[in-house]
């Protein structure tokens, strides 16, 4: 099955920030996912980005999609979900 004219294929970088909205007084769990953005390579830009988003009421959670997928496949193999 191929892509239609309106569908697009996106490739995400290995490390991204998942942007969550913050609940007042609850820093541990972000309420909703607001978006996904690339993690800057420059440490100063990364710090500035975190400050900017936190100042606006958002929380940036860094994840590595490759590791997440590998762990997911490992879990499926352990549970023998593919049998």
Protein backbone atom coordinates (compact mmCIF):
# COMPACT_ATOMS: atom_id res chain seq x y z
CA UNK A 1 0.00 0.00 0.00
CA UNK A 2 1.49 3.35 -1.02
CA UNK A 3 1.06 6.91 0.15
CA UNK A 4 -1.77 9.03 -1.21
CA UNK A 5 -1.18 12.54 -2.50
CA UNK A 6 -2.13 14.05 0.87
CA UNK A 7 -0.06 11.71 3.04
CA UNK A 8 3.55 12.55 3.83
CA UNK A 9 6.34 10.42 5.25
CA UNK A 10 8.21 12.06 8.11
CA UNK A 11 11.46 10.82 9.58
CA UNK A 12 12.11 11.95 13.13
CA UNK A 13 15.61 12.38 14.52
CA UNK A 14 16.79 9.86 17.12
CA UNK A 15 16.36 12.25 20.05
CA UNK A 16 13.34 14.50 20.31
CA UNK A 17 11.50 16.46 22.94
CA UNK A 18 7.89 15.58 23.60
CA UNK A 19 6.26 18.84 24.68
CA UNK A 20 3.71 18.45 27.50
CA UNK A 21 1.41 21.03 29.01
CA UNK A 22 1.96 21.37 32.74
CA UNK A 23 -0.71 21.00 35.34
CA UNK A 24 -0.31 23.68 38.03
CA UNK A 25 1.73 22.22 40.90
CA UNK A 26 2.34 18.89 39.13
CA UNK A 27 5.77 18.79 37.50
CA UNK A 28 6.12 15.00 37.45
CA UNK A 29 3.32 14.27 34.98
CA UNK A 30 2.59 16.47 31.99
CA UNK A 31 -1.09 16.60 31.25
CA UNK A 32 -1.28 16.45 27.48
CA UNK A 33 1.18 16.14 24.62
CA UNK A 34 1.39 19.46 22.82
CA UNK A 35 3.96 18.56 20.17
CA UNK A 36 7.29 16.98 19.22
CA UNK A 37 10.41 19.02 18.45
CA UNK A 38 14.01 18.18 17.64
CA UNK A 39 16.62 18.39 20.39
CA UNK A 40 19.16 21.10 19.48
CA UNK A 41 22.76 19.92 19.15
CA UNK A 42 24.13 23.07 20.81
CA UNK A 43 23.91 22.90 24.62
CA UNK A 44 23.23 26.65 24.94
CA UNK A 45 20.33 26.46 22.46
CA UNK A 46 19.03 23.41 24.32
CA UNK A 47 19.10 25.29 27.64
CA UNK A 48 17.43 28.37 26.09
CA UNK A 49 14.73 26.19 24.54
CA UNK A 50 13.98 24.53 27.88
CA UNK A 51 13.80 27.92 29.62
CA UNK A 52 11.52 29.33 26.93
CA UNK A 53 9.05 26.45 27.06
CA UNK A 54 9.04 26.14 30.86
CA UNK A 55 8.44 29.89 31.11
CA UNK A 56 5.34 29.46 28.94
CA UNK A 57 3.94 26.55 30.99
CA UNK A 58 5.27 23.57 29.03
CA UNK A 59 7.52 20.68 30.00
CA UNK A 60 10.05 19.12 27.62
CA UNK A 61 10.60 15.38 27.98
CA UNK A 62 13.61 14.06 26.02
CA UNK A 63 13.16 10.61 24.48
CA UNK A 64 15.15 8.47 22.08
CA UNK A 65 12.85 6.81 19.56
CA UNK A 66 15.36 4.10 18.58
CA UNK A 67 15.69 2.92 22.18
CA UNK A 68 11.94 3.13 22.68
CA UNK A 69 11.29 0.93 19.64
CA UNK A 70 14.02 -1.57 20.61
CA UNK A 71 12.62 -1.86 24.13
CA UNK A 72 9.14 -2.33 22.70
CA UNK A 73 10.28 -5.18 20.47
CA UNK A 74 12.20 -6.77 23.35
CA UNK A 75 9.08 -6.62 25.50
CA UNK A 76 6.99 -8.24 22.75
CA UNK A 77 9.55 -11.04 22.41
CA UNK A 78 9.58 -11.64 26.18
CA UNK A 79 5.80 -11.80 26.28
CA UNK A 80 5.78 -13.96 23.14
CA UNK A 81 3.16 -11.62 21.68
CA UNK A 82 4.19 -12.45 18.11
CA UNK A 83 3.32 -16.15 18.44
